[in-house]
Amino acid sequence: MDEPSDKQSFSVEEVQKKHSNAYESWSRTDDLRLINDHMSHKSITELAMKYKRSQGAIRARLKKLDLIN
């Protein structure tokens, strides 16, 4: 018998309704633009809106690019 899960289930399509680039690969061009925008002191919120990704995705990419801890 399956146990009820406390985890919220979601689909990629549901997430992409809010963040249309969610789960899409980052291009080298996107990385370069993100680096430039980050160095221009744009907020995580601004970057998330510009790149149509969640704030968590922006933070994760900035970490991957060694721009934040």
PDB file of N, CA and C in Angstrom:
ATOM      1  N   MET A   1       0.845  -1.182   0.000  1.00  0.00           N
ATOM      2  CA  MET A   1       0.000   0.000   0.000  1.00  0.00           C
ATOM      3  C   MET A   1       0.887   1.242   0.000  1.00  0.00           C
ATOM      4  N   ASP A   2       0.562   2.199  -0.852  1.00  0.00           N
ATOM      5  CA  ASP A   2       1.351   3.417  -0.933  1.00  0.00           C
ATOM      6  C   ASP A   2       1.055   4.326   0.238  1.00  0.00           C
ATOM      7  N   GLU A   3       2.133   4.907   0.770  1.00  0.00           N
ATOM      8  CA  GLU A   3       2.010   5.879   1.853  1.00  0.00           C
ATOM      9  C   GLU A   3       1.766   7.255   1.243  1.00  0.00           C
ATOM     10  N   PRO A   4       0.940   8.077   1.882  1.00  0.00           N
ATOM     11  CA  PRO A   4       0.781   9.447   1.385  1.00  0.00           C
ATOM     12  C   PRO A   4       2.110  10.191   1.527  1.00  0.00           C
ATOM     13  N   SER A   5       2.395  11.039   0.575  1.00  0.00           N
ATOM     14  CA  SER A   5       3.643  11.781   0.585  1.00  0.00           C
ATOM     15  C   SER A   5       3.403  13.214   1.033  1.00  0.00           C
ATOM     16  N   ASP A   6       4.346  13.739   1.824  1.00  0.00           N
ATOM     17  CA  ASP A   6       4.276  15.141   2.229  1.00  0.00           C
ATOM     18  C   ASP A   6       4.857  16.047   1.152  1.00  0.00           C
ATOM     19  N   LYS A   7       5.542  15.460   0.196  1.00  0.00           N
ATOM     20  CA  LYS A   7       6.147  16.241  -0.869  1.00  0.00           C
ATOM     21  C   LYS A   7       5.078  16.703  -1.851  1.00  0.00           C
ATOM     22  N   GLN A   8       5.212  17.955  -2.255  1.00  0.00           N
ATOM     23  CA  GLN A   8       4.286  18.493  -3.244  1.00  0.00           C
ATOM     24  C   GLN A   8       4.732  18.002  -4.610  1.00  0.00           C
ATOM     25  N   SER A   9       3.819  17.477  -5.373  1.00  0.00           N
ATOM     26  CA  SER A   9       4.173  17.044  -6.715  1.00  0.00           C
ATOM     27  C   SER A   9       3.902  18.183  -7.695  1.00  0.00           C
ATOM     28  N   PHE A  10       4.685  18.195  -8.749  1.00  0.00           N
ATOM     29  CA  PHE A  10       4.526  19.217  -9.773  1.00  0.00           C
ATOM     30  C   PHE A  10       5.001  18.644 -11.096  1.00  0.00           C
ATOM     31  N   SER A  11       4.652  19.319 -12.145  1.00  0.00           N
ATOM     32  CA  SER A  11       5.126  18.916 -13.455  1.00  0.00           C
ATOM     33  C   SER A  11       5.965  20.055 -14.033  1.00  0.00           C
ATOM     34  N   VAL A  12       6.819  19.711 -14.961  1.00  0.00           N
ATOM     35  CA  VAL A  12       7.632  20.714 -15.635  1.00  0.00           C
ATOM     36  C   VAL A  12       6.725  21.762 -16.269  1.00  0.00           C
ATOM     37  N   GLU A  13       5.635  21.297 -16.861  1.00  0.00           N
ATOM     38  CA  GLU A  13       4.706  22.231 -17.513  1.00  0.00           C
ATOM     39  C   GLU A  13       4.127  23.234 -16.520  1.00  0.00           C
ATOM     40  N   GLU A  14       3.810  22.778 -15.321  1.00  0.00           N
ATOM     41  CA  GLU A  14       3.267  23.690 -14.311  1.00  0.00           C
ATOM     42  C   GLU A  14       4.293  24.741 -13.916  1.00  0.00           C
ATOM     43  N   VAL A  15       5.526  24.312 -13.715  1.00  0.00           N
ATOM     44  CA  VAL A  15       6.591  25.244 -13.341  1.00  0.00           C
ATOM     45  C   VAL A  15       6.847  26.227 -14.484  1.00  0.00           C
ATOM     46  N   GLN A  16       6.816  25.737 -15.731  1.00  0.00           N
ATOM     47  CA  GLN A  16       7.098  26.604 -16.869  1.00  0.00           C
ATOM     48  C   GLN A  16       5.986  27.628 -17.118  1.00  0.00           C
ATOM     49  N   LYS A  17       4.819  27.437 -16.548  1.00  0.00           N
ATOM     50  CA  LYS A  17       3.777  28.461 -16.653  1.00  0.00           C
ATOM     51  C   LYS A  17       4.234  29.739 -15.962  1.00  0.00           C
ATOM     52  N   LYS A  18       4.975  29.583 -14.877  1.00  0.00           N
ATOM     53  CA  LYS A  18       5.456  30.745 -14.124  1.00  0.00           C
ATOM     54  C   LYS A  18       6.846  31.187 -14.588  1.00  0.00           C
ATOM     55  N   HIS A  19       7.704  30.215 -14.899  1.00  0.00           N
ATOM     56  CA  HIS A  19       9.090  30.485 -15.313  1.00  0.00           C
ATOM     57  C   HIS A  19       9.322  29.746 -16.623  1.00  0.00           C
ATOM     58  N   SER A  20       9.078  30.419 -17.735  1.00  0.00           N
ATOM     59  CA  SER A  20       9.036  29.729 -19.029  1.00  0.00           C
ATOM     60  C   SER A  20      10.357  29.070 -19.437  1.00  0.00           C
ATOM     61  N   ASN A  21      11.474  29.489 -18.879  1.00  0.00           N
ATOM     62  CA  ASN A  21      12.747  28.847 -19.218  1.00  0.00           C
ATOM     63  C   ASN A  21      13.179  27.805 -18.194  1.00  0.00           C
ATOM     64  N   ALA A  22      12.319  27.502 -17.237  1.00  0.00           N
ATOM     65  CA  ALA A  22      12.652  26.495 -16.225  1.00  0.00           C
ATOM     66  C   ALA A  22      12.989  25.173 -16.896  1.00  0.00           C
ATOM     67  N   TYR A  23      14.035  24.537 -16.407  1.00  0.00           N
ATOM     68  CA  TYR A  23      14.500  23.222 -16.892  1.00  0.00           C
ATOM     69  C   TYR A  23      15.129  23.269 -18.282  1.00  0.00           C
ATOM     70  N   GLU A  24      15.266  24.447 -18.854  1.00  0.00           N
ATOM     71  CA  GLU A  24      15.955  24.581 -20.138  1.00  0.00           C
ATOM     72  C   GLU A  24      17.451  24.714 -19.868  1.00  0.00           C
ATOM     73  N   SER A  25      18.268  24.254 -20.777  1.00  0.00           N
ATOM     74  CA  SER A  25      19.717  24.395 -20.637  1.00  0.00           C
ATOM     75  C   SER A  25      20.102  25.866 -20.752  1.00  0.00           C
ATOM     76  N   TRP A  26      21.173  26.213 -20.040  1.00  0.00           N
ATOM     77  CA  TRP A  26      21.716  27.557 -20.156  1.00  0.00           C
ATOM     78  C   TRP A  26      22.673  27.568 -21.348  1.00  0.00           C
ATOM     79  N   SER A  27      22.527  28.553 -22.219  1.00  0.00           N
ATOM     80  CA  SER A  27      23.455  28.693 -23.339  1.00  0.00           C
ATOM     81  C   SER A  27      24.680  29.488 -22.880  1.00  0.00           C
ATOM     82  N   ARG A  28      25.733  29.401 -23.637  1.00  0.00           N
ATOM     83  CA  ARG A  28      26.935  30.190 -23.317  1.00  0.00           C
ATOM     84  C   ARG A  28      26.596  31.677 -23.364  1.00  0.00           C
ATOM     85  N   THR A  29      25.767  32.069 -24.307  1.00  0.00           N
ATOM     86  CA  THR A  29      25.339  33.473 -24.408  1.00  0.00           C
ATOM     87  C   THR A  29      24.585  33.895 -23.151  1.00  0.00           C
ATOM     88  N   ASP A  30      23.667  33.043 -22.689  1.00  0.00           N
ATOM     89  CA  ASP A  30      22.941  33.345 -21.451  1.00  0.00           C
ATOM     90  C   ASP A  30      23.899  33.496 -20.279  1.00  0.00           C
ATOM     91  N   ASP A  31      24.881  32.594 -20.194  1.00  0.00           N
ATOM     92  CA  ASP A  31      25.865  32.679 -19.113  1.00  0.00           C
ATOM     93  C   ASP A  31      26.612  34.012 -19.154  1.00  0.00           C
ATOM     94  N   LEU A  32      27.056  34.404 -20.336  1.00  0.00           N
ATOM     95  CA  LEU A  32      27.790  35.666 -20.464  1.00  0.00           C
ATOM     96  C   LEU A  32      26.913  36.860 -20.097  1.00  0.00           C
ATOM     97  N   ARG A  33      25.663  36.827 -20.521  1.00  0.00           N
ATOM     98  CA  ARG A  33      24.735  37.915 -20.172  1.00  0.00           C
ATOM     99  C   ARG A  33      24.461  37.929 -18.674  1.00  0.00           C
ATOM    100  N   LEU A  34      24.293  36.745 -18.096  1.00  0.00           N
ATOM    101  CA  LEU A  34      24.054  36.658 -16.661  1.00  0.00           C
ATOM    102  C   LEU A  34      25.248  37.204 -15.878  1.00  0.00           C
ATOM    103  N   ILE A  35      26.443  36.840 -16.294  1.00  0.00           N
ATOM    104  CA  ILE A  35      27.652  37.359 -15.636  1.00  0.00           C
ATOM    105  C   ILE A  35      27.673  38.880 -15.707  1.00  0.00           C
ATOM    106  N   ASN A  36      27.417  39.422 -16.881  1.00  0.00           N
ATOM    107  CA  ASN A  36      27.411  40.873 -17.062  1.00  0.00           C
ATOM    108  C   ASN A  36      26.338  41.533 -16.193  1.00  0.00           C
ATOM    109  N   ASP A  37      25.147  40.974 -16.196  1.00  0.00           N
ATOM    110  CA  ASP A  37      24.061  41.544 -15.399  1.00  0.00           C
ATOM    111  C   ASP A  37      24.373  41.460 -13.904  1.00  0.00           C
ATOM    112  N   HIS A  38      24.954  40.344 -13.479  1.00  0.00           N
ATOM    113  CA  HIS A  38      25.324  40.190 -12.067  1.00  0.00           C
ATOM    114  C   HIS A  38      26.386  41.215 -11.682  1.00  0.00           C
ATOM    115  N   MET A  39      27.374  41.410 -12.552  1.00  0.00           N
ATOM    116  CA  MET A  39      28.441  42.375 -12.284  1.00  0.00           C
ATOM    117  C   MET A  39      27.910  43.816 -12.301  1.00  0.00           C
ATOM    118  N   SER A  40      26.749  44.009 -12.937  1.00  0.00           N
ATOM    119  CA  SER A  40      26.087  45.330 -12.954  1.00  0.00           C
ATOM    120  C   SER A  40      25.178  45.509 -11.742  1.00  0.00           C
ATOM    121  N   HIS A  41      25.273  44.567 -10.800  1.00  0.00           N
ATOM    122  CA  HIS A  41      24.550  44.623  -9.523  1.00  0.00           C
ATOM    123  C   HIS A  41      23.032  44.518  -9.655  1.00  0.00           C
ATOM    124  N   LYS A  42      22.567  43.789 -10.650  1.00  0.00           N
ATOM    125  CA  LYS A  42      21.127  43.525 -10.744  1.00  0.00           C
ATOM    126  C   LYS A  42      20.757  42.526  -9.662  1.00  0.00           C
ATOM    127  N   SER A  43      19.582  42.694  -9.107  1.00  0.00           N
ATOM    128  CA  SER A  43      19.128  41.814  -8.029  1.00  0.00           C
ATOM    129  C   SER A  43      18.748  40.432  -8.577  1.00  0.00           C
ATOM    130  N   ILE A  44      18.713  39.477  -7.668  1.00  0.00           N
ATOM    131  CA  ILE A  44      18.284  38.123  -8.038  1.00  0.00           C
ATOM    132  C   ILE A  44      16.871  38.172  -8.614  1.00  0.00           C
ATOM    133  N   THR A  45      16.015  38.985  -8.036  1.00  0.00           N
ATOM    134  CA  THR A  45      14.639  39.123  -8.528  1.00  0.00           C
ATOM    135  C   THR A  45      14.627  39.655  -9.954  1.00  0.00           C
ATOM    136  N   GLU A  46      15.422  40.676 -10.222  1.00  0.00           N
ATOM    137  CA  GLU A  46      15.503  41.224 -11.580  1.00  0.00           C
ATOM    138  C   GLU A  46      16.015  40.177 -12.565  1.00  0.00           C
ATOM    139  N   LEU A  47      17.046  39.453 -12.152  1.00  0.00           N
ATOM    140  CA  LEU A  47      17.618  38.434 -13.032  1.00  0.00           C
ATOM    141  C   LEU A  47      16.611  37.324 -13.304  1.00  0.00           C
ATOM    142  N   ALA A  48      15.876  36.920 -12.282  1.00  0.00           N
ATOM    143  CA  ALA A  48      14.875  35.862 -12.455  1.00  0.00           C
ATOM    144  C   ALA A  48      13.812  36.292 -13.465  1.00  0.00           C
ATOM    145  N   MET A  49      13.373  37.525 -13.363  1.00  0.00           N
ATOM    146  CA  MET A  49      12.366  38.010 -14.306  1.00  0.00           C
ATOM    147  C   MET A  49      12.941  38.098 -15.717  1.00  0.00           C
ATOM    148  N   LYS A  50      14.158  38.608 -15.845  1.00  0.00           N
ATOM    149  CA  LYS A  50      14.773  38.772 -17.165  1.00  0.00           C
ATOM    150  C   LYS A  50      14.994  37.424 -17.855  1.00  0.00           C
ATOM    151  N   TYR A  51      15.479  36.445 -17.096  1.00  0.00           N
ATOM    152  CA  TYR A  51      15.814  35.147 -17.689  1.00  0.00           C
ATOM    153  C   TYR A  51      14.675  34.132 -17.617  1.00  0.00           C
ATOM    154  N   LYS A  52      13.548  34.557 -17.057  1.00  0.00           N
ATOM    155  CA  LYS A  52      12.337  33.729 -16.973  1.00  0.00           C
ATOM    156  C   LYS A  52      12.635  32.402 -16.274  1.00  0.00           C
ATOM    157  N   ARG A  53      13.346  32.527 -15.136  1.00  0.00           N
ATOM    158  CA  ARG A  53      13.706  31.382 -14.311  1.00  0.00           C
ATOM    159  C   ARG A  53      13.435  31.742 -12.862  1.00  0.00           C
ATOM    160  N   SER A  54      13.414  30.759 -12.012  1.00  0.00           N
ATOM    161  CA  SER A  54      13.169  31.027 -10.592  1.00  0.00           C
ATOM    162  C   SER A  54      14.398  31.684  -9.959  1.00  0.00           C
ATOM    163  N   GLN A  55      14.186  32.314  -8.816  1.00  0.00           N
ATOM    164  CA  GLN A  55      15.297  32.912  -8.093  1.00  0.00           C
ATOM    165  C   GLN A  55      16.298  31.840  -7.681  1.00  0.00           C
ATOM    166  N   GLY A  56      15.798  30.672  -7.311  1.00  0.00           N
ATOM    167  CA  GLY A  56      16.677  29.560  -6.954  1.00  0.00           C
ATOM    168  C   GLY A  56      17.543  29.127  -8.122  1.00  0.00           C
ATOM    169  N   ALA A  57      16.983  29.122  -9.315  1.00  0.00           N
ATOM    170  CA  ALA A  57      17.745  28.752 -10.513  1.00  0.00           C
ATOM    171  C   ALA A  57      18.843  29.778 -10.800  1.00  0.00           C
ATOM    172  N   ILE A  58      18.529  31.045 -10.589  1.00  0.00           N
ATOM    173  CA  ILE A  58      19.530  32.099 -10.797  1.00  0.00           C
ATOM    174  C   ILE A  58      20.663  31.938  -9.796  1.00  0.00           C
ATOM    175  N   ARG A  59      20.309  31.737  -8.517  1.00  0.00           N
ATOM    176  CA  ARG A  59      21.344  31.545  -7.497  1.00  0.00           C
ATOM    177  C   ARG A  59      22.212  30.325  -7.811  1.00  0.00           C
ATOM    178  N   ALA A  60      21.585  29.235  -8.220  1.00  0.00           N
ATOM    179  CA  ALA A  60      22.328  28.016  -8.547  1.00  0.00           C
ATOM    180  C   ALA A  60      23.295  28.260  -9.704  1.00  0.00           C
ATOM    181  N   ARG A  61      22.850  28.990 -10.714  1.00  0.00           N
ATOM    182  CA  ARG A  61      23.730  29.243 -11.863  1.00  0.00           C
ATOM    183  C   ARG A  61      24.875  30.168 -11.471  1.00  0.00           C
ATOM    184  N   LEU A  62      24.592  31.187 -10.663  1.00  0.00           N
ATOM    185  CA  LEU A  62      25.653  32.085 -10.210  1.00  0.00           C
ATOM    186  C   LEU A  62      26.682  31.320  -9.376  1.00  0.00           C
ATOM    187  N   LYS A  63      26.225  30.372  -8.573  1.00  0.00           N
ATOM    188  CA  LYS A  63      27.147  29.528  -7.803  1.00  0.00           C
ATOM    189  C   LYS A  63      27.989  28.671  -8.743  1.00  0.00           C
ATOM    190  N   LYS A  64      27.351  28.076  -9.720  1.00  0.00           N
ATOM    191  CA  LYS A  64      28.069  27.230 -10.687  1.00  0.00           C
ATOM    192  C   LYS A  64      29.139  28.021 -11.423  1.00  0.00           C
ATOM    193  N   LEU A  65      28.851  29.294 -11.672  1.00  0.00           N
ATOM    194  CA  LEU A  65      29.797  30.166 -12.363  1.00  0.00           C
ATOM    195  C   LEU A  65      30.806  30.801 -11.387  1.00  0.00           C
ATOM    196  N   ASP A  66      30.771  30.377 -10.133  1.00  0.00           N
ATOM    197  CA  ASP A  66      31.668  30.880  -9.075  1.00  0.00           C
ATOM    198  C   ASP A  66      31.545  32.390  -8.865  1.00  0.00           C
ATOM    199  N   LEU A  67      30.345  32.914  -9.002  1.00  0.00           N
ATOM    200  CA  LEU A  67      30.114  34.328  -8.784  1.00  0.00           C
ATOM    201  C   LEU A  67      29.564  34.632  -7.397  1.00  0.00           C
ATOM    202  N   ILE A  68      28.976  33.636  -6.759  1.00  0.00           N
ATOM    203  CA  ILE A  68      28.510  33.773  -5.383  1.00  0.00           C
ATOM    204  C   ILE A  68      28.837  32.485  -4.640  1.00  0.00           C
ATOM    205  N   ASN A  69      28.780  32.569  -3.319  1.00  0.00           N
ATOM    206  CA  ASN A  69      29.036  31.382  -2.487  1.00  0.00           C
ATOM    207  C   ASN A  69      27.760  30.646  -2.206  1.00  0.00           C
TER     208      ASN A  69
END
